[in-house]
Amino acid sequence: MIQTRTAAILLIAVLAAVSAQAEQQVLALDPQASKVSFSLKATGHTVEGGLALKSGRIAFDPATGAASGEIAIDLASAQTGNKTRDQKMHDEVFETKKHPLAVFRAEKIRGTVPTSGAGQVTLDGTLSLHGSNHKVSLPAKLDVQNGRVKADTQFEIPYVEWGLNDPSVAMLRVAKVVTVRVRAEGTLE
């Protein structure tokens, strides 16, 4: 009788673990296939640049919306095509020697990730940038084909308000908000 109860308890525990695993999905981003870009309005022109996605893995429960994991952006890879401007960006704005990464930590996903086709979700979490944490919501358009996901999000960062230095000088003034666009690709597991 005790062995039967023990076997039943073990069976229930195994089934519960399998059921819990079946509910959770994981989006694993491919850094090589993903692109991060930014634009910043300045006097007489707009500065365009790019950054590298270092890593990204987000686990989520479609039923509850609970999410975890992180996406890391390599700030040291930021380039605008102007060596002098890039040096100032790294030394005075990002301070990449002290703060080499921007990291988004997922907390919740709103919306439905389709098993195939187009969809839209919002990923809520915390963005760690320049030593400070900021709550953000990232609206993303999705396209899922054969387990491969393409996600596109665009959002603004009020970088001066968040404690980064304003690179404006004399007659050259820049906006206090930078627009960031992430076009990520990965697999849905």
N, C-alpha and C. Protein backbone atom coordinates (compact mmCIF):
# COMPACT_ATOMS: atom_id res chain seq x y z
N MET A 1 0.82 -1.19 0.00
CA MET A 1 0.00 0.00 0.00
C MET A 1 0.87 1.26 0.00
N ILE A 2 1.90 1.31 0.82
CA ILE A 2 2.80 2.46 0.86
C ILE A 2 3.52 2.62 -0.47
N GLN A 3 3.93 1.50 -1.09
CA GLN A 3 4.61 1.57 -2.38
C GLN A 3 3.67 2.11 -3.46
N THR A 4 2.40 1.75 -3.39
CA THR A 4 1.42 2.21 -4.37
C THR A 4 1.23 3.72 -4.24
N ARG A 5 1.13 4.22 -2.99
CA ARG A 5 0.99 5.67 -2.76
C ARG A 5 2.23 6.41 -3.23
N THR A 6 3.40 5.87 -2.92
CA THR A 6 4.65 6.50 -3.33
C THR A 6 4.73 6.56 -4.85
N ALA A 7 4.38 5.47 -5.52
CA ALA A 7 4.41 5.44 -6.99
C ALA A 7 3.42 6.45 -7.57
N ALA A 8 2.23 6.55 -6.95
CA ALA A 8 1.22 7.50 -7.42
C ALA A 8 1.70 8.94 -7.25
N ILE A 9 2.31 9.22 -6.11
CA ILE A 9 2.84 10.57 -5.85
C ILE A 9 3.94 10.92 -6.85
N LEU A 10 4.83 9.98 -7.11
CA LEU A 10 5.90 10.21 -8.09
C LEU A 10 5.33 10.43 -9.49
N LEU A 11 4.33 9.65 -9.86
CA LEU A 11 3.71 9.81 -11.17
C LEU A 11 3.06 11.18 -11.30
N ILE A 12 2.35 11.63 -10.27
CA ILE A 12 1.72 12.95 -10.29
C ILE A 12 2.78 14.04 -10.39
N ALA A 13 3.87 13.90 -9.64
CA ALA A 13 4.96 14.89 -9.70
C ALA A 13 5.57 14.96 -11.09
N VAL A 14 5.81 13.82 -11.72
CA VAL A 14 6.38 13.78 -13.07
C VAL A 14 5.43 14.42 -14.07
N LEU A 15 4.14 14.08 -14.00
CA LEU A 15 3.15 14.65 -14.91
C LEU A 15 3.03 16.17 -14.72
N ALA A 16 3.08 16.63 -13.49
CA ALA A 16 3.02 18.07 -13.22
C ALA A 16 4.23 18.78 -13.81
N ALA A 17 5.42 18.18 -13.67
CA ALA A 17 6.64 18.78 -14.22
C ALA A 17 6.58 18.83 -15.74
N VAL A 18 6.12 17.76 -16.37
CA VAL A 18 6.00 17.73 -17.84
C VAL A 18 4.99 18.77 -18.29
N SER A 19 3.85 18.88 -17.59
CA SER A 19 2.82 19.86 -17.94
C SER A 19 3.36 21.28 -17.80
N ALA A 20 4.10 21.57 -16.74
CA ALA A 20 4.66 22.91 -16.53
C ALA A 20 5.66 23.24 -17.63
N GLN A 21 6.47 22.28 -18.04
CA GLN A 21 7.44 22.53 -19.09
C GLN A 21 6.75 22.77 -20.42
N ALA A 22 5.64 22.08 -20.68
CA ALA A 22 4.93 22.22 -21.94
C ALA A 22 4.33 23.62 -22.07
N GLU A 23 3.98 24.24 -20.96
CA GLU A 23 3.38 25.57 -21.00
C GLU A 23 4.39 26.65 -21.31
N GLN A 24 5.63 26.50 -20.91
CA GLN A 24 6.63 27.54 -21.10
C GLN A 24 7.25 27.45 -22.49
N GLN A 25 7.45 28.63 -23.11
CA GLN A 25 8.13 28.72 -24.39
C GLN A 25 9.38 29.56 -24.20
N VAL A 26 10.36 29.35 -25.08
CA VAL A 26 11.61 30.10 -25.00
C VAL A 26 11.92 30.68 -26.37
N LEU A 27 12.19 31.97 -26.39
CA LEU A 27 12.65 32.65 -27.59
C LEU A 27 14.15 32.84 -27.44
N ALA A 28 14.92 32.15 -28.29
CA ALA A 28 16.38 32.26 -28.27
C ALA A 28 16.79 33.10 -29.48
N LEU A 29 17.35 34.29 -29.23
CA LEU A 29 17.72 35.19 -30.31
C LEU A 29 19.07 34.80 -30.93
N ASP A 30 19.19 35.05 -32.21
CA ASP A 30 20.41 34.79 -32.96
C ASP A 30 21.13 36.13 -33.16
N PRO A 31 22.22 36.39 -32.41
CA PRO A 31 22.91 37.68 -32.53
C PRO A 31 23.40 38.00 -33.95
N GLN A 32 23.81 36.98 -34.69
CA GLN A 32 24.32 37.22 -36.04
C GLN A 32 23.22 37.67 -37.01
N ALA A 33 21.99 37.23 -36.79
CA ALA A 33 20.89 37.56 -37.68
C ALA A 33 20.09 38.77 -37.19
N SER A 34 20.46 39.32 -36.05
CA SER A 34 19.72 40.44 -35.45
C SER A 34 20.47 41.75 -35.66
N LYS A 35 19.71 42.85 -35.65
CA LYS A 35 20.30 44.16 -35.89
C LYS A 35 19.69 45.18 -34.92
N VAL A 36 20.54 45.99 -34.32
CA VAL A 36 20.09 47.06 -33.45
C VAL A 36 20.59 48.38 -34.06
N SER A 37 19.69 49.32 -34.24
CA SER A 37 20.09 50.62 -34.79
C SER A 37 19.52 51.73 -33.93
N PHE A 38 20.08 52.93 -34.09
CA PHE A 38 19.58 54.08 -33.35
C PHE A 38 19.65 55.31 -34.22
N SER A 39 18.80 56.29 -33.90
CA SER A 39 18.85 57.58 -34.59
C SER A 39 18.64 58.68 -33.56
N LEU A 40 19.34 59.78 -33.81
CA LEU A 40 19.32 60.92 -32.89
C LEU A 40 19.31 62.19 -33.73
N LYS A 41 18.28 62.99 -33.56
CA LYS A 41 18.19 64.25 -34.31
C LYS A 41 19.23 65.23 -33.78
N ALA A 42 19.87 65.92 -34.70
CA ALA A 42 20.88 66.92 -34.35
C ALA A 42 20.68 68.14 -35.24
N THR A 43 21.35 69.22 -34.93
CA THR A 43 21.27 70.43 -35.73
C THR A 43 21.58 70.12 -37.19
N GLY A 44 20.60 70.30 -38.05
CA GLY A 44 20.81 70.15 -39.48
C GLY A 44 20.91 68.73 -40.01
N HIS A 45 20.85 67.72 -39.18
CA HIS A 45 20.95 66.34 -39.65
C HIS A 45 20.46 65.36 -38.57
N THR A 46 20.42 64.10 -38.94
CA THR A 46 20.09 63.03 -38.00
C THR A 46 21.25 62.06 -37.95
N VAL A 47 21.72 61.75 -36.77
CA VAL A 47 22.81 60.79 -36.58
C VAL A 47 22.20 59.39 -36.57
N GLU A 48 22.71 58.53 -37.44
CA GLU A 48 22.27 57.13 -37.52
C GLU A 48 23.43 56.25 -37.07
N GLY A 49 23.12 55.18 -36.36
CA GLY A 49 24.18 54.27 -35.92
C GLY A 49 23.67 52.87 -35.68
N GLY A 50 24.60 51.99 -35.38
CA GLY A 50 24.25 50.60 -35.13
C GLY A 50 25.01 50.04 -33.94
N LEU A 51 24.45 48.98 -33.38
CA LEU A 51 25.04 48.27 -32.25
C LEU A 51 24.87 46.77 -32.49
N ALA A 52 25.62 45.98 -31.75
CA ALA A 52 25.52 44.53 -31.87
C ALA A 52 24.68 43.95 -30.72
N LEU A 53 23.84 42.99 -31.08
CA LEU A 53 23.14 42.21 -30.07
C LEU A 53 24.13 41.17 -29.55
N LYS A 54 24.40 41.19 -28.26
CA LYS A 54 25.36 40.25 -27.68
C LYS A 54 24.71 38.90 -27.42
N SER A 55 23.50 38.92 -26.83
CA SER A 55 22.79 37.68 -26.52
C SER A 55 21.33 38.00 -26.22
N GLY A 56 20.51 36.97 -26.28
CA GLY A 56 19.11 37.16 -25.94
C GLY A 56 18.39 35.84 -25.79
N ARG A 57 17.73 35.69 -24.66
CA ARG A 57 16.95 34.49 -24.39
C ARG A 57 15.83 34.88 -23.43
N ILE A 58 14.59 34.72 -23.91
CA ILE A 58 13.42 35.07 -23.11
C ILE A 58 12.53 33.84 -22.97
N ALA A 59 12.23 33.46 -21.73
CA ALA A 59 11.29 32.37 -21.44
C ALA A 59 9.98 33.02 -21.01
N PHE A 60 8.87 32.44 -21.46
CA PHE A 60 7.57 33.00 -21.08
C PHE A 60 6.50 31.92 -21.03
N ASP A 61 5.50 32.19 -20.23
CA ASP A 61 4.35 31.30 -20.10
C ASP A 61 3.19 31.97 -20.83
N PRO A 62 2.76 31.42 -21.97
CA PRO A 62 1.67 32.04 -22.74
C PRO A 62 0.37 32.18 -21.96
N ALA A 63 0.13 31.30 -21.00
CA ALA A 63 -1.12 31.32 -20.24
C ALA A 63 -1.16 32.47 -19.23
N THR A 64 -0.04 32.73 -18.57
CA THR A 64 -0.02 33.74 -17.52
C THR A 64 0.66 35.04 -17.93
N GLY A 65 1.49 34.98 -18.96
CA GLY A 65 2.25 36.16 -19.38
C GLY A 65 3.54 36.35 -18.61
N ALA A 66 3.80 35.52 -17.61
CA ALA A 66 5.05 35.64 -16.85
C ALA A 66 6.24 35.41 -17.79
N ALA A 67 7.26 36.24 -17.64
CA ALA A 67 8.44 36.13 -18.51
C ALA A 67 9.70 36.32 -17.68
N SER A 68 10.78 35.76 -18.19
CA SER A 68 12.09 35.93 -17.57
C SER A 68 13.15 35.85 -18.66
N GLY A 69 14.38 36.12 -18.29
CA GLY A 69 15.47 36.10 -19.25
C GLY A 69 15.90 37.51 -19.60
N GLU A 70 16.90 37.60 -20.48
CA GLU A 70 17.41 38.93 -20.80
C GLU A 70 17.94 39.04 -22.22
N ILE A 71 18.02 40.28 -22.66
CA ILE A 71 18.59 40.63 -23.96
C ILE A 71 19.71 41.62 -23.67
N ALA A 72 20.92 41.31 -24.13
CA ALA A 72 22.08 42.16 -23.88
C ALA A 72 22.56 42.81 -25.18
N ILE A 73 22.76 44.12 -25.12
CA ILE A 73 23.27 44.90 -26.25
C ILE A 73 24.68 45.35 -25.92
N ASP A 74 25.60 45.15 -26.86
CA ASP A 74 27.01 45.51 -26.68
C ASP A 74 27.20 46.99 -27.04
N LEU A 75 27.22 47.86 -26.02
CA LEU A 75 27.38 49.29 -26.26
C LEU A 75 28.75 49.63 -26.85
N ALA A 76 29.75 48.83 -26.53
CA ALA A 76 31.09 49.07 -27.06
C ALA A 76 31.15 48.91 -28.58
N SER A 77 30.15 48.25 -29.16
CA SER A 77 30.11 48.05 -30.61
C SER A 77 29.44 49.21 -31.35
N ALA A 78 28.90 50.19 -30.62
CA ALA A 78 28.17 51.29 -31.24
C ALA A 78 29.05 52.07 -32.21
N GLN A 79 28.50 52.31 -33.41
CA GLN A 79 29.21 53.07 -34.44
C GLN A 79 28.23 53.94 -35.20
N THR A 80 28.72 55.11 -35.62
CA THR A 80 27.91 56.02 -36.44
C THR A 80 28.57 56.30 -37.79
N GLY A 81 29.78 55.83 -37.97
CA GLY A 81 30.50 56.10 -39.21
C GLY A 81 31.40 57.32 -39.13
N ASN A 82 31.43 57.99 -37.98
CA ASN A 82 32.30 59.15 -37.79
C ASN A 82 33.19 58.85 -36.58
N LYS A 83 34.46 58.64 -36.84
CA LYS A 83 35.39 58.19 -35.79
C LYS A 83 35.44 59.15 -34.59
N THR A 84 35.49 60.44 -34.84
CA THR A 84 35.55 61.42 -33.75
C THR A 84 34.27 61.39 -32.92
N ARG A 85 33.14 61.37 -33.61
CA ARG A 85 31.84 61.32 -32.90
C ARG A 85 31.73 60.02 -32.11
N ASP A 86 32.15 58.90 -32.71
CA ASP A 86 32.08 57.61 -32.03
C ASP A 86 32.94 57.60 -30.77
N GLN A 87 34.12 58.19 -30.85
CA GLN A 87 35.02 58.24 -29.68
C GLN A 87 34.36 59.02 -28.55
N LYS A 88 33.76 60.16 -28.90
CA LYS A 88 33.07 60.97 -27.88
C LYS A 88 31.88 60.20 -27.30
N MET A 89 31.14 59.50 -28.16
CA MET A 89 29.99 58.71 -27.71
C MET A 89 30.43 57.66 -26.68
N HIS A 90 31.54 56.97 -26.98
CA HIS A 90 32.02 55.92 -26.06
C HIS A 90 32.63 56.50 -24.79
N ASP A 91 33.40 57.57 -24.92
CA ASP A 91 34.09 58.13 -23.75
C ASP A 91 33.19 58.97 -22.86
N GLU A 92 32.32 59.81 -23.46
CA GLU A 92 31.58 60.80 -22.68
C GLU A 92 30.10 60.49 -22.49
N VAL A 93 29.49 59.74 -23.39
CA VAL A 93 28.05 59.49 -23.27
C VAL A 93 27.81 58.10 -22.67
N PHE A 94 28.16 57.04 -23.41
CA PHE A 94 27.97 55.68 -22.90
C PHE A 94 28.94 55.34 -21.78
N GLU A 95 30.14 55.92 -21.82
CA GLU A 95 31.21 55.55 -20.89
C GLU A 95 31.37 54.02 -20.89
N THR A 96 31.64 53.49 -22.09
CA THR A 96 31.63 52.04 -22.29
C THR A 96 32.70 51.28 -21.50
N LYS A 97 33.75 51.95 -21.07
CA LYS A 97 34.73 51.23 -20.23
C LYS A 97 34.11 50.85 -18.88
N LYS A 98 33.21 51.69 -18.37
CA LYS A 98 32.52 51.39 -17.10
C LYS A 98 31.20 50.66 -17.32
N HIS A 99 30.55 50.94 -18.46
CA HIS A 99 29.20 50.40 -18.73
C HIS A 99 29.16 49.82 -20.15
N PRO A 100 29.75 48.64 -20.36
CA PRO A 100 29.85 48.10 -21.72
C PRO A 100 28.55 47.50 -22.29
N LEU A 101 27.56 47.26 -21.44
CA LEU A 101 26.33 46.61 -21.91
C LEU A 101 25.08 47.39 -21.50
N ALA A 102 24.04 47.25 -22.31
CA ALA A 102 22.68 47.62 -21.92
C ALA A 102 21.95 46.28 -21.86
N VAL A 103 21.24 46.03 -20.76
CA VAL A 103 20.59 44.74 -20.57
C VAL A 103 19.11 44.94 -20.25
N PHE A 104 18.27 44.31 -21.07
CA PHE A 104 16.83 44.29 -20.82
C PHE A 104 16.49 42.98 -20.13
N ARG A 105 15.81 43.06 -18.98
CA ARG A 105 15.38 41.88 -18.25
C ARG A 105 13.86 41.79 -18.32
N ALA A 106 13.38 40.71 -18.91
CA ALA A 106 11.94 40.53 -19.13
C ALA A 106 11.22 40.17 -17.85
N GLU A 107 9.98 40.68 -17.72
CA GLU A 107 9.13 40.38 -16.57
C GLU A 107 7.75 39.86 -16.99
N LYS A 108 7.24 40.37 -18.11
CA LYS A 108 5.88 40.00 -18.53
C LYS A 108 5.76 40.18 -20.04
N ILE A 109 4.96 39.30 -20.64
CA ILE A 109 4.63 39.44 -22.05
C ILE A 109 3.12 39.58 -22.16
N ARG A 110 2.69 40.59 -22.93
CA ARG A 110 1.26 40.82 -23.16
C ARG A 110 0.98 40.56 -24.63
N GLY A 111 -0.08 39.85 -24.91
CA GLY A 111 -0.41 39.48 -26.28
C GLY A 111 -0.09 38.01 -26.50
N THR A 112 -0.36 37.55 -27.72
CA THR A 112 -0.17 36.15 -28.03
C THR A 112 0.92 35.97 -29.08
N VAL A 113 1.87 35.10 -28.78
CA VAL A 113 2.90 34.75 -29.75
C VAL A 113 2.30 33.66 -30.64
N PRO A 114 2.14 33.93 -31.94
CA PRO A 114 1.52 32.93 -32.80
C PRO A 114 2.44 31.74 -33.03
N THR A 115 1.84 30.59 -33.29
CA THR A 115 2.65 29.42 -33.64
C THR A 115 3.11 29.54 -35.09
N SER A 116 2.37 30.33 -35.87
CA SER A 116 2.73 30.59 -37.26
C SER A 116 2.06 31.88 -37.70
N GLY A 117 2.76 32.68 -38.51
CA GLY A 117 2.18 33.91 -39.03
C GLY A 117 2.51 35.13 -38.21
N ALA A 118 1.75 36.20 -38.45
CA ALA A 118 2.02 37.50 -37.82
C ALA A 118 1.31 37.62 -36.48
N GLY A 119 1.92 38.43 -35.62
CA GLY A 119 1.33 38.71 -34.32
C GLY A 119 1.95 39.95 -33.72
N GLN A 120 1.41 40.38 -32.60
CA GLN A 120 1.95 41.54 -31.91
C GLN A 120 1.90 41.30 -30.42
N VAL A 121 3.00 41.62 -29.73
CA VAL A 121 3.09 41.48 -28.28
C VAL A 121 3.76 42.72 -27.71
N THR A 122 3.67 42.87 -26.41
CA THR A 122 4.42 43.88 -25.69
C THR A 122 5.19 43.17 -24.60
N LEU A 123 6.47 43.42 -24.55
CA LEU A 123 7.35 42.80 -23.55
C LEU A 123 7.69 43.86 -22.51
N ASP A 124 7.27 43.63 -21.27
CA ASP A 124 7.53 44.57 -20.17
C ASP A 124 8.72 44.08 -19.37
N GLY A 125 9.53 45.03 -18.89
CA GLY A 125 10.67 44.66 -18.08
C GLY A 125 11.47 45.85 -17.65
N THR A 126 12.73 45.59 -17.33
CA THR A 126 13.64 46.61 -16.83
C THR A 126 14.85 46.70 -17.75
N LEU A 127 15.20 47.91 -18.15
CA LEU A 127 16.39 48.15 -18.96
C LEU A 127 17.47 48.72 -18.05
N SER A 128 18.58 48.00 -17.95
CA SER A 128 19.73 48.49 -17.19
C SER A 128 20.66 49.19 -18.17
N LEU A 129 20.86 50.48 -17.96
CA LEU A 129 21.67 51.30 -18.85
C LEU A 129 22.48 52.29 -18.03
N HIS A 130 23.78 52.28 -18.21
CA HIS A 130 24.65 53.26 -17.58
C HIS A 130 24.53 53.23 -16.05
N GLY A 131 24.37 52.02 -15.50
CA GLY A 131 24.33 51.85 -14.05
C GLY A 131 22.99 52.10 -13.39
N SER A 132 21.94 52.36 -14.19
CA SER A 132 20.60 52.60 -13.62
C SER A 132 19.59 51.68 -14.29
N ASN A 133 18.52 51.38 -13.55
CA ASN A 133 17.45 50.53 -14.05
C ASN A 133 16.22 51.37 -14.35
N HIS A 134 15.57 51.05 -15.50
CA HIS A 134 14.41 51.81 -15.94
C HIS A 134 13.34 50.84 -16.46
N LYS A 135 12.10 51.02 -15.99
CA LYS A 135 10.99 50.21 -16.48
C LYS A 135 10.67 50.64 -17.91
N VAL A 136 10.53 49.63 -18.79
CA VAL A 136 10.18 49.90 -20.19
C VAL A 136 9.20 48.85 -20.69
N SER A 137 8.46 49.23 -21.72
CA SER A 137 7.57 48.33 -22.42
C SER A 137 7.96 48.37 -23.89
N LEU A 138 8.21 47.20 -24.45
CA LEU A 138 8.67 47.10 -25.83
C LEU A 138 7.57 46.48 -26.70
N PRO A 139 6.87 47.29 -27.51
CA PRO A 139 5.88 46.72 -28.42
C PRO A 139 6.62 46.06 -29.58
N ALA A 140 6.23 44.85 -29.94
CA ALA A 140 6.94 44.13 -30.99
C ALA A 140 5.98 43.48 -31.98
N LYS A 141 6.30 43.66 -33.26
CA LYS A 141 5.59 42.93 -34.31
C LYS A 141 6.36 41.65 -34.54
N LEU A 142 5.63 40.55 -34.65
CA LEU A 142 6.26 39.23 -34.81
C LEU A 142 5.84 38.60 -36.13
N ASP A 143 6.74 37.78 -36.65
CA ASP A 143 6.42 36.91 -37.77
C ASP A 143 7.07 35.56 -37.47
N VAL A 144 6.25 34.52 -37.34
CA VAL A 144 6.73 33.19 -36.99
C VAL A 144 6.51 32.26 -38.17
N GLN A 145 7.59 31.64 -38.62
CA GLN A 145 7.52 30.68 -39.73
C GLN A 145 8.41 29.49 -39.40
N ASN A 146 7.82 28.30 -39.31
CA ASN A 146 8.56 27.05 -39.05
C ASN A 146 9.48 27.15 -37.82
N GLY A 147 8.98 27.74 -36.75
CA GLY A 147 9.75 27.84 -35.51
C GLY A 147 10.76 28.97 -35.49
N ARG A 148 10.89 29.69 -36.60
CA ARG A 148 11.82 30.82 -36.68
C ARG A 148 11.01 32.10 -36.47
N VAL A 149 11.51 32.99 -35.60
CA VAL A 149 10.78 34.20 -35.25
C VAL A 149 11.56 35.43 -35.72
N LYS A 150 10.84 36.37 -36.31
CA LYS A 150 11.38 37.70 -36.60
C LYS A 150 10.58 38.67 -35.75
N ALA A 151 11.27 39.48 -34.98
CA ALA A 151 10.62 40.45 -34.11
C ALA A 151 11.17 41.84 -34.43
N ASP A 152 10.28 42.83 -34.46
CA ASP A 152 10.67 44.19 -34.78
C ASP A 152 10.06 45.12 -33.73
N THR A 153 10.91 45.87 -33.02
CA THR A 153 10.43 46.81 -32.03
C THR A 153 11.17 48.13 -32.18
N GLN A 154 10.47 49.19 -31.83
CA GLN A 154 11.08 50.53 -31.84
C GLN A 154 10.61 51.25 -30.59
N PHE A 155 11.52 51.93 -29.91
CA PHE A 155 11.18 52.63 -28.68
C PHE A 155 12.15 53.80 -28.50
N GLU A 156 11.79 54.70 -27.60
CA GLU A 156 12.63 55.87 -27.34
C GLU A 156 13.24 55.79 -25.96
N ILE A 157 14.46 56.29 -25.87
CA ILE A 157 15.17 56.36 -24.59
C ILE A 157 15.50 57.82 -24.30
N PRO A 158 14.98 58.35 -23.20
CA PRO A 158 15.30 59.72 -22.81
C PRO A 158 16.67 59.72 -22.08
N TYR A 159 17.73 59.55 -22.87
CA TYR A 159 19.04 59.26 -22.30
C TYR A 159 19.56 60.34 -21.35
N VAL A 160 19.29 61.61 -21.60
CA VAL A 160 19.76 62.67 -20.69
C VAL A 160 19.00 62.58 -19.37
N GLU A 161 17.69 62.39 -19.44
CA GLU A 161 16.87 62.22 -18.24
C GLU A 161 17.33 61.01 -17.42
N TRP A 162 17.85 59.98 -18.13
CA TRP A 162 18.31 58.76 -17.47
C TRP A 162 19.74 58.86 -16.97
N GLY A 163 20.37 60.03 -17.07
CA GLY A 163 21.68 60.23 -16.46
C GLY A 163 22.88 60.14 -17.38
N LEU A 164 22.67 59.99 -18.70
CA LEU A 164 23.79 60.00 -19.62
C LEU A 164 24.09 61.44 -20.02
N ASN A 165 25.32 61.70 -20.40
CA ASN A 165 25.75 63.05 -20.76
C ASN A 165 25.16 63.49 -22.09
N ASP A 166 24.86 64.77 -22.18
CA ASP A 166 24.38 65.39 -23.40
C ASP A 166 25.60 65.77 -24.25
N PRO A 167 25.72 65.21 -25.47
CA PRO A 167 26.89 65.50 -26.30
C PRO A 167 26.82 66.82 -27.07
N SER A 168 25.80 67.64 -26.82
CA SER A 168 25.68 68.92 -27.51
C SER A 168 26.88 69.81 -27.21
N VAL A 169 27.33 70.53 -28.23
CA VAL A 169 28.41 71.51 -28.06
C VAL A 169 28.07 72.74 -28.88
N ALA A 170 28.39 73.91 -28.35
CA ALA A 170 28.23 75.20 -29.04
C ALA A 170 27.02 75.22 -29.95
N MET A 171 27.25 75.28 -31.25
CA MET A 171 26.17 75.39 -32.24
C MET A 171 25.54 74.04 -32.57
N LEU A 172 26.20 72.94 -32.25
CA LEU A 172 25.67 71.61 -32.57
C LEU A 172 24.86 71.11 -31.38
N ARG A 173 23.54 71.07 -31.58
CA ARG A 173 22.64 70.63 -30.53
C ARG A 173 22.03 69.30 -30.95
N VAL A 174 21.85 68.40 -30.00
CA VAL A 174 21.23 67.12 -30.28
C VAL A 174 20.00 66.94 -29.40
N ALA A 175 19.06 66.13 -29.88
CA ALA A 175 17.85 65.83 -29.12
C ALA A 175 18.21 65.10 -27.83
N LYS A 176 17.33 65.16 -26.87
CA LYS A 176 17.57 64.52 -25.57
C LYS A 176 16.96 63.13 -25.50
N VAL A 177 16.41 62.68 -26.64
CA VAL A 177 15.80 61.37 -26.74
C VAL A 177 16.36 60.68 -27.97
N VAL A 178 16.77 59.43 -27.81
CA VAL A 178 17.28 58.64 -28.94
C VAL A 178 16.26 57.55 -29.27
N THR A 179 16.04 57.33 -30.56
CA THR A 179 15.13 56.28 -31.01
C THR A 179 15.94 55.03 -31.30
N VAL A 180 15.52 53.91 -30.72
CA VAL A 180 16.22 52.63 -30.89
C VAL A 180 15.28 51.67 -31.62
N ARG A 181 15.85 50.95 -32.57
CA ARG A 181 15.07 49.95 -33.30
C ARG A 181 15.82 48.62 -33.22
N VAL A 182 15.10 47.57 -32.86
CA VAL A 182 15.67 46.24 -32.79
C VAL A 182 14.93 45.35 -33.78
N ARG A 183 15.66 44.77 -34.68
CA ARG A 183 15.13 43.75 -35.60
C ARG A 183 15.85 42.46 -35.25
N ALA A 184 15.14 41.63 -34.52
CA ALA A 184 15.76 40.40 -33.99
C ALA A 184 15.21 39.18 -34.68
N GLU A 185 16.06 38.18 -34.78
CA GLU A 185 15.65 36.88 -35.31
C GLU A 185 16.11 35.81 -34.34
N GLY A 186 15.33 34.75 -34.27
CA GLY A 186 15.69 33.65 -33.39
C GLY A 186 14.76 32.47 -33.59
N THR A 187 14.83 31.56 -32.63
CA THR A 187 14.00 30.37 -32.69
C THR A 187 13.07 30.31 -31.50
N LEU A 188 11.90 29.73 -31.72
CA LEU A 188 10.92 29.55 -30.67
C LEU A 188 10.94 28.08 -30.27
N GLU A 189 11.25 27.85 -29.01
CA GLU A 189 11.39 26.47 -28.52
C GLU A 189 10.26 26.15 -27.56
